[in-house]
Amino acid sequence: ITSLAESVRSGDKRAVQEFWTKIAKSGTPLIEPIRSDPNHYLVTFLWRAKSPVSNVLLISGLSNSSYSKTVLQDNLLTQLPGTDVWYRTYRVRSDARFTYRLSVNDSLVPSEEEKDISKRESRFQPDPLNPRHVSGPTSDSLAELPHAPSQEWILPRKGIPTGELKKVTFASKILGNERSLTIYTPPGYDPSGPPYRLLMLMFGEAYTSDIPTPVILDNLLSARKIPPVVAVFIGNVAAARKELSCYEPFSKFLATELLAWVRAHYRVSEQPSMTVIGGASRGGLAAVCAALEHPEKFGNVSAQSGFFVYKDRNWFKYVDPVAAPDAASQDELAWEQYGVVMQRIAAMPKLPL
C-alpha cells in the first residue's frame, strides 16, 4: 500500500491497474512479513470501488465479529486518495486463522443501537477478491496466516468410507413447533448390532456447513480416533433464542421427545456415559442446561464458546425497556444475568457429567 501510494503521488497512471492485476492473481487479504517481528504479519483488507462508495466496514474474527461502538471506527477501511482502492491494515499474530465479511456503504449504526440486526447483517458479504471461504462461495471469507495450525480433520479425504446423512422434519408436542433434523449414521452402520454412541448437537445448520462435522466424523472414524457414533444435528426455529436460553420445556423436549424418537429409530445406547449433547454459543448454554437438568440422559457435554447469558442487552432494550432505559443499564443487567447463570451452575451439587 505504501509503494502504491508513492507511485500514485509520482503520477504513475498505470500503478493502480497493475496493483489490481497483481491482487487478482494473489487474492486477498494481503499478508506481508514484518522484518523486525517474525511472530506477527501485516494483514491488509481491500475493496475495489467499482461504484460510488461512502464507507467499507470490516466484520472479522479480529474483533470477535463485533461492530459495536468500541470497535466500529477501528474496522473502517480508508480510501487511497484519487483511486478506487479502499484498505485497512492490521498487525496480526502469525498463527491466526479467522473469518470475515464486508459491509459496503454501511449504516455505521453500532450493534447496540441496531433495531433490525437480521436485516442489517443480511447485507454483509464475503470478500469478492478472496477465493477462500468457510464452506460455499456465499459463506464467510477465510484468512489464514502462514503459521496457522493444520486443520487436517475438516478436509474430505479420498478413498475413506463415509457416513450417510438423512434429513427429517420433527414435530414437537412439548414445544408446539417443527424443526429439521439431520441424522448421521457411520460407515457400515448396522441397526441390529451393538448400540452406537450418540452425539446430539444444537445449531444443526452450522454443524453441517461452517463446521463440517460429518466430514470430521468420517476422518476420525477412519483414523480410529473415535468409536462408531450416530449424530443428530438439531435445527433451529424462529424462537431459537428463547429455546436455547435454559428454557426448561426445550430441555424436556431434548431429554424425552427427541431422545425417545432417536432411540426408536436408530440403534444407539441408552447409557448417559455414551451420550454427548453439545452446541456452540447459545447452543452450548442449552446443552449445559439440558445435561444439568437431565444427567440421567446426557452424560457428556460439549459447549463450544458457550453463551452463558439468559438475556442480552437488546433483550432488555426491546422487550423490557422500562427495566433498562439506557445502554449502561442494559449492559449492567445483561452482565448481572451472566453472573447469575454461572453462580447457579457453580453452586449446584457435582453431577456425573
Protein backbone atom coordinates (compact mmCIF):
# COMPACT_ATOMS: atom_id res chain seq x y z
CA ILE A 1 0.00 0.00 0.00
CA THR A 2 2.85 2.37 0.82
CA SER A 3 4.50 1.58 -2.51
CA LEU A 4 1.23 2.08 -4.38
CA ALA A 5 0.62 5.41 -2.66
CA GLU A 6 4.10 6.62 -3.63
CA SER A 7 3.55 5.58 -7.26
CA VAL A 8 0.19 7.38 -7.38
CA ARG A 9 1.72 10.55 -5.92
CA SER A 10 4.50 10.44 -8.50
CA GLY A 11 1.93 10.42 -11.32
CA ASP A 12 2.24 6.78 -12.40
CA LYS A 13 -1.08 6.29 -14.19
CA ARG A 14 -0.59 2.53 -14.55
CA ALA A 15 0.14 1.87 -10.88
CA VAL A 16 -3.43 1.26 -9.72
CA GLN A 17 -4.34 -1.09 -12.58
CA GLU A 18 -1.09 -3.00 -12.12
CA PHE A 19 -1.88 -3.26 -8.40
CA TRP A 20 -5.32 -4.77 -9.06
CA THR A 21 -3.88 -7.15 -11.66
CA LYS A 22 -1.45 -8.41 -9.03
CA ILE A 23 -4.23 -8.74 -6.44
CA ALA A 24 -6.38 -10.72 -8.89
CA LYS A 25 -3.60 -13.32 -9.02
CA SER A 26 -2.63 -13.37 -5.33
CA GLY A 27 -6.07 -12.86 -3.76
CA THR A 28 -6.83 -11.07 -0.54
CA PRO A 29 -6.11 -10.21 2.19
CA LEU A 30 -2.55 -9.08 1.62
CA ILE A 31 -0.24 -10.84 4.12
CA GLU A 32 3.21 -9.28 4.46
CA PRO A 33 6.06 -10.14 6.87
CA ILE A 34 7.40 -7.69 9.44
CA ARG A 35 11.19 -7.91 9.36
CA SER A 36 11.63 -6.89 12.99
CA ASP A 37 8.83 -9.14 14.28
CA PRO A 38 8.68 -12.75 12.97
CA ASN A 39 5.72 -13.54 15.25
CA HIS A 40 3.39 -11.09 13.50
CA TYR A 41 2.42 -10.13 9.96
CA LEU A 42 0.76 -7.13 8.36
CA VAL A 43 -2.68 -8.14 7.08
CA THR A 44 -4.36 -5.71 4.67
CA PHE A 45 -8.02 -5.96 3.65
CA LEU A 46 -9.05 -4.42 0.33
CA TRP A 47 -12.14 -3.28 -1.54
CA ARG A 48 -12.23 -2.12 -5.17
CA ALA A 49 -14.83 0.62 -5.60
CA LYS A 50 -16.49 -0.05 -8.96
CA SER A 51 -19.40 2.21 -7.94
CA PRO A 52 -19.69 5.15 -5.50
CA VAL A 53 -18.60 4.14 -2.01
CA SER A 54 -19.03 6.16 1.17
CA ASN A 55 -17.53 3.58 3.55
CA VAL A 56 -16.45 -0.05 3.86
CA LEU A 57 -16.78 -1.84 7.20
CA LEU A 58 -14.83 -4.98 8.11
CA ILE A 59 -16.56 -7.51 10.38
CA SER A 60 -13.98 -10.11 11.37
CA GLY A 61 -12.69 -12.52 13.94
CA LEU A 62 -10.04 -9.93 14.79
CA SER A 63 -12.72 -8.07 16.78
CA ASN A 64 -14.94 -11.06 17.60
CA SER A 65 -17.16 -10.15 14.60
CA SER A 66 -18.33 -7.09 16.53
CA TYR A 67 -19.44 -3.73 15.15
CA SER A 68 -20.21 -2.14 18.50
CA LYS A 69 -19.28 1.42 19.46
CA THR A 70 -15.95 0.37 20.91
CA VAL A 71 -14.60 -1.23 17.71
CA LEU A 72 -16.62 0.15 14.80
CA GLN A 73 -14.28 3.02 13.87
CA ASP A 74 -11.23 0.74 14.10
CA ASN A 75 -12.71 -1.53 11.44
CA LEU A 76 -13.43 1.04 8.71
CA LEU A 77 -11.36 0.85 5.54
CA THR A 78 -9.69 4.02 4.21
CA GLN A 79 -9.70 5.21 0.60
CA LEU A 80 -6.35 5.79 -1.04
CA PRO A 81 -6.87 9.34 -2.36
CA GLY A 82 -7.59 9.60 -6.05
CA THR A 83 -8.01 5.83 -6.53
CA ASP A 84 -10.64 3.08 -6.29
CA VAL A 85 -8.58 1.38 -3.56
CA TRP A 86 -10.02 1.07 -0.05
CA TYR A 87 -7.82 -0.63 2.54
CA ARG A 88 -7.17 -1.33 6.21
CA THR A 89 -4.01 -2.90 7.66
CA TYR A 90 -3.68 -4.74 10.97
CA ARG A 91 -0.76 -6.32 12.83
CA VAL A 92 -1.80 -9.95 13.38
CA ARG A 93 -0.24 -13.00 15.03
CA SER A 94 1.49 -15.32 12.58
CA ASP A 95 -0.62 -18.33 13.64
CA ALA A 96 -4.03 -16.67 13.24
CA ARG A 97 -6.94 -18.10 11.30
CA PHE A 98 -10.27 -16.24 11.20
CA THR A 99 -13.30 -15.43 9.08
CA TYR A 100 -14.54 -12.06 7.92
CA ARG A 101 -17.19 -10.21 5.95
CA LEU A 102 -17.51 -6.73 4.47
CA SER A 103 -20.31 -4.17 4.53
CA VAL A 104 -20.17 -1.55 1.78
CA ASN A 105 -21.99 1.77 2.31
CA ASP A 106 -22.86 0.58 5.78
CA SER A 107 -25.27 2.50 8.01
CA LEU A 108 -22.49 2.65 10.65
CA VAL A 109 -25.07 2.21 13.40
CA PRO A 110 -23.35 0.45 16.33
CA SER A 111 -24.75 -3.01 17.06
CA GLU A 112 -26.12 -1.93 20.46
CA GLU A 113 -28.31 0.65 18.70
CA GLU A 114 -29.39 -1.51 15.75
CA LYS A 115 -33.15 -2.19 15.70
CA ASP A 116 -33.15 -4.87 12.99
CA ILE A 117 -29.96 -6.90 13.28
CA SER A 118 -31.07 -9.62 10.83
CA LYS A 119 -31.83 -7.11 8.08
CA ARG A 120 -28.57 -5.27 8.71
CA GLU A 121 -26.41 -8.39 8.66
CA SER A 122 -28.11 -9.76 5.54
CA ARG A 123 -26.19 -7.05 3.65
CA PHE A 124 -22.80 -8.24 4.89
CA GLN A 125 -20.94 -10.05 2.11
CA PRO A 126 -17.85 -12.18 1.59
CA ASP A 127 -14.74 -10.62 0.07
CA PRO A 128 -15.04 -10.90 -3.75
CA LEU A 129 -11.25 -10.75 -4.05
CA ASN A 130 -10.70 -13.73 -1.73
CA PRO A 131 -11.31 -17.18 -3.30
CA ARG A 132 -11.19 -18.93 0.08
CA HIS A 133 -14.39 -19.42 2.05
CA VAL A 134 -15.52 -21.31 5.12
CA SER A 135 -17.78 -23.53 3.03
CA GLY A 136 -19.58 -22.40 -0.15
CA PRO A 137 -18.95 -19.26 -2.26
CA THR A 138 -21.53 -17.21 -0.33
CA SER A 139 -20.15 -18.11 3.11
CA ASP A 140 -17.72 -16.03 5.16
CA SER A 141 -14.29 -15.33 3.69
CA LEU A 142 -11.34 -17.09 5.32
CA ALA A 143 -7.99 -15.57 6.30
CA GLU A 144 -5.08 -17.84 7.25
CA LEU A 145 -1.62 -16.71 8.24
CA PRO A 146 1.50 -18.78 7.46
CA HIS A 147 1.82 -20.43 10.88
CA ALA A 148 -1.87 -21.24 11.42
CA PRO A 149 -2.08 -24.80 12.80
CA SER A 150 -3.12 -27.58 10.46
CA GLN A 151 -6.83 -28.43 10.24
CA GLU A 152 -6.41 -31.89 8.81
CA TRP A 153 -9.67 -33.27 10.20
CA ILE A 154 -12.05 -30.87 8.44
CA LEU A 155 -10.99 -31.66 4.86
CA PRO A 156 -12.59 -34.56 2.92
CA ARG A 157 -10.19 -37.44 2.28
CA LYS A 158 -10.23 -39.56 -0.80
CA GLY A 159 -10.70 -43.28 -0.50
CA ILE A 160 -12.11 -43.46 3.04
CA PRO A 161 -15.58 -44.77 3.96
CA THR A 162 -18.18 -42.04 4.51
CA GLY A 163 -21.29 -41.98 6.63
CA GLU A 164 -24.81 -41.28 5.41
CA LEU A 165 -26.92 -38.18 6.07
CA LYS A 166 -30.70 -38.20 6.27
CA LYS A 167 -32.93 -35.16 6.75
CA VAL A 168 -36.28 -35.37 8.52
CA THR A 169 -38.84 -32.96 9.95
CA PHE A 170 -39.66 -33.42 13.62
CA ALA A 171 -42.83 -32.10 15.26
CA SER A 172 -42.70 -31.45 19.00
CA LYS A 173 -45.84 -31.64 21.13
CA ILE A 174 -43.99 -30.11 24.08
CA LEU A 175 -42.86 -27.04 22.13
CA GLY A 176 -45.68 -26.91 19.61
CA ASN A 177 -43.37 -26.45 16.62
CA GLU A 178 -41.47 -28.28 13.91
CA ARG A 179 -37.77 -28.33 13.13
CA SER A 180 -35.39 -30.05 10.76
CA LEU A 181 -33.10 -32.84 11.90
CA THR A 182 -30.10 -34.20 10.05
CA ILE A 183 -29.07 -37.72 11.10
CA TYR A 184 -25.55 -39.03 10.52
CA THR A 185 -25.00 -42.78 10.54
CA PRO A 186 -21.39 -44.03 10.39
CA PRO A 187 -19.96 -46.17 7.59
CA GLY A 188 -21.16 -49.76 7.91
CA TYR A 189 -23.99 -48.80 10.27
CA ASP A 190 -25.73 -51.98 11.49
CA PRO A 191 -29.20 -51.43 13.01
CA SER A 192 -29.08 -54.89 14.60
CA GLY A 193 -25.56 -54.71 16.04
CA PRO A 194 -24.26 -53.42 19.38
CA PRO A 195 -25.60 -49.98 20.42
CA TYR A 196 -23.76 -46.99 18.99
CA ARG A 197 -22.67 -43.93 20.88
CA LEU A 198 -24.86 -40.87 20.34
CA LEU A 199 -23.89 -37.26 19.61
CA MET A 200 -26.60 -34.56 19.64
CA LEU A 201 -25.73 -31.02 18.52
CA MET A 202 -27.77 -27.82 18.55
CA PHE A 203 -27.39 -25.30 15.70
CA GLY A 204 -27.58 -28.20 13.27
CA GLU A 205 -27.32 -25.85 10.29
CA ALA A 206 -23.89 -24.61 11.42
CA TYR A 207 -22.59 -28.06 12.34
CA THR A 208 -23.28 -29.38 8.84
CA SER A 209 -21.89 -26.37 6.92
CA ASP A 210 -19.44 -23.94 8.57
CA ILE A 211 -18.37 -26.76 10.89
CA PRO A 212 -18.26 -29.82 8.59
CA THR A 213 -18.98 -32.30 11.37
CA PRO A 214 -19.90 -35.24 9.09
CA VAL A 215 -16.51 -34.90 7.38
CA ILE A 216 -14.77 -34.64 10.74
CA LEU A 217 -16.52 -37.77 11.98
CA ASP A 218 -15.63 -39.68 8.80
CA ASN A 219 -11.96 -38.74 9.20
CA LEU A 220 -11.81 -39.53 12.92
CA LEU A 221 -13.51 -42.89 12.40
CA SER A 222 -11.19 -43.77 9.52
CA ALA A 223 -8.18 -42.93 11.71
CA ARG A 224 -9.67 -44.96 14.59
CA LYS A 225 -9.61 -41.90 16.84
CA ILE A 226 -13.21 -42.41 18.00
CA PRO A 227 -15.63 -45.35 18.19
CA PRO A 228 -18.61 -45.51 15.78
CA VAL A 229 -21.22 -42.85 16.54
CA VAL A 230 -24.66 -41.75 15.38
CA ALA A 231 -25.00 -37.96 15.27
CA VAL A 232 -28.18 -35.88 15.36
CA PHE A 233 -27.93 -32.27 14.16
CA ILE A 234 -30.85 -30.30 15.62
CA GLY A 235 -32.13 -27.40 13.53
CA ASN A 236 -33.18 -24.05 14.94
CA VAL A 237 -36.61 -22.44 14.76
CA ALA A 238 -37.68 -18.77 14.85
CA ALA A 239 -37.83 -18.92 18.66
CA ALA A 240 -34.27 -20.29 18.94
CA ARG A 241 -33.02 -17.53 21.23
CA LYS A 242 -35.76 -18.33 23.76
CA GLU A 243 -35.41 -22.10 23.41
CA LEU A 244 -31.64 -22.11 23.82
CA SER A 245 -31.58 -19.84 26.90
CA CYS A 246 -32.00 -22.51 29.58
CA TYR A 247 -35.66 -22.91 28.61
CA GLU A 248 -36.96 -25.82 30.66
CA PRO A 249 -39.50 -27.06 28.06
CA PHE A 250 -36.68 -27.25 25.50
CA SER A 251 -34.52 -29.33 27.84
CA LYS A 252 -37.53 -31.58 28.40
CA PHE A 253 -38.05 -31.85 24.63
CA LEU A 254 -34.42 -32.96 24.18
CA ALA A 255 -34.43 -35.46 27.06
CA THR A 256 -37.82 -37.04 26.38
CA GLU A 257 -39.41 -36.48 22.97
CA LEU A 258 -36.33 -36.23 20.78
CA LEU A 259 -34.18 -38.76 22.59
CA ALA A 260 -37.04 -41.29 22.60
CA TRP A 261 -37.54 -40.81 18.84
CA VAL A 262 -33.83 -41.26 18.11
CA ARG A 263 -33.65 -44.44 20.17
CA ALA A 264 -36.78 -45.79 18.50
CA HIS A 265 -35.36 -45.25 15.01
CA TYR A 266 -31.63 -45.84 15.49
CA ARG A 267 -29.51 -48.37 17.31
CA VAL A 268 -27.99 -46.09 19.97
CA SER A 269 -27.02 -46.65 23.59
CA GLU A 270 -29.30 -45.70 26.48
CA GLN A 271 -26.30 -45.14 28.75
CA PRO A 272 -25.65 -41.48 29.68
CA SER A 273 -21.92 -42.18 29.55
CA MET A 274 -22.26 -42.98 25.83
CA THR A 275 -24.38 -39.93 25.05
CA VAL A 276 -22.97 -36.47 24.23
CA ILE A 277 -25.02 -33.30 23.93
CA GLY A 278 -23.43 -30.13 22.62
CA GLY A 279 -23.63 -26.89 20.73
CA ALA A 280 -21.99 -23.55 20.10
CA SER A 281 -22.83 -20.16 21.59
CA ARG A 282 -26.41 -20.33 22.92
CA GLY A 283 -26.42 -23.95 21.78
CA GLY A 284 -23.61 -24.57 24.25
CA LEU A 285 -25.68 -22.99 27.02
CA ALA A 286 -28.67 -25.14 26.07
CA ALA A 287 -26.50 -28.28 26.14
CA VAL A 288 -25.18 -27.48 29.62
CA CYS A 289 -28.66 -26.75 30.97
CA ALA A 290 -30.16 -29.90 29.44
CA ALA A 291 -27.43 -32.06 31.00
CA LEU A 292 -27.73 -30.37 34.39
CA GLU A 293 -31.49 -30.94 34.35
CA HIS A 294 -31.30 -34.47 32.91
CA PRO A 295 -27.99 -36.12 33.89
CA GLU A 296 -29.79 -39.47 33.73
CA LYS A 297 -29.97 -39.00 29.93
CA PHE A 298 -26.91 -36.93 28.98
CA GLY A 299 -23.55 -37.91 30.46
CA ASN A 300 -21.24 -35.69 28.41
CA VAL A 301 -21.41 -32.05 27.31
CA SER A 302 -19.58 -30.13 24.60
CA ALA A 303 -20.15 -26.36 24.98
CA GLN A 304 -18.16 -24.53 22.33
CA SER A 305 -17.88 -20.85 23.29
CA GLY A 306 -21.00 -21.34 25.40
CA PHE A 307 -23.04 -18.13 25.71
CA PHE A 308 -23.81 -18.24 29.42
CA VAL A 309 -26.30 -15.37 29.38
CA TYR A 310 -30.06 -15.74 29.67
CA LYS A 311 -30.72 -12.35 28.12
CA ASP A 312 -28.56 -9.84 26.28
CA ARG A 313 -28.71 -6.04 26.20
CA ASN A 314 -31.04 -5.98 23.18
CA TRP A 315 -33.49 -8.24 25.01
CA PHE A 316 -33.82 -5.65 27.77
CA LYS A 317 -33.95 -2.80 25.27
CA TYR A 318 -36.78 -4.08 23.10
CA VAL A 319 -38.72 -6.45 25.35
CA ASP A 320 -38.49 -4.72 28.73
CA PRO A 321 -37.35 -1.11 28.03
CA VAL A 322 -38.55 0.20 31.42
CA ALA A 323 -36.14 -2.14 33.24
CA ALA A 324 -33.15 -0.68 31.39
CA PRO A 325 -33.81 2.63 29.63
CA ASP A 326 -30.23 3.31 28.53
CA ALA A 327 -27.21 1.41 27.22
CA ALA A 328 -25.37 1.49 30.55
CA SER A 329 -28.23 -0.08 32.49
CA GLN A 330 -28.82 -2.62 29.72
CA ASP A 331 -25.18 -3.66 29.90
CA GLU A 332 -25.35 -3.89 33.67
CA LEU A 333 -28.45 -6.08 33.68
CA ALA A 334 -27.07 -8.33 30.94
CA TRP A 335 -23.86 -8.94 32.89
CA GLU A 336 -25.84 -9.49 36.08
CA GLN A 337 -27.68 -12.25 34.24
CA TYR A 338 -24.33 -13.68 33.14
CA GLY A 339 -23.20 -13.85 36.75
CA VAL A 340 -26.47 -15.45 37.87
CA VAL A 341 -26.11 -18.27 35.35
CA MET A 342 -22.51 -19.02 36.29
CA GLN A 343 -23.20 -18.81 40.02
CA ARG A 344 -26.14 -21.18 39.77
CA ILE A 345 -24.08 -23.73 37.89
CA ALA A 346 -21.14 -23.40 40.29
CA ALA A 347 -23.39 -23.79 43.33
CA MET A 348 -25.04 -26.99 42.12
CA PRO A 349 -24.04 -30.37 43.56
CA LYS A 350 -21.48 -32.13 41.38
CA LEU A 351 -23.15 -34.39 38.82
CA PRO A 352 -21.69 -37.31 36.84
CA LEU A 353 -21.15 -35.16 33.74
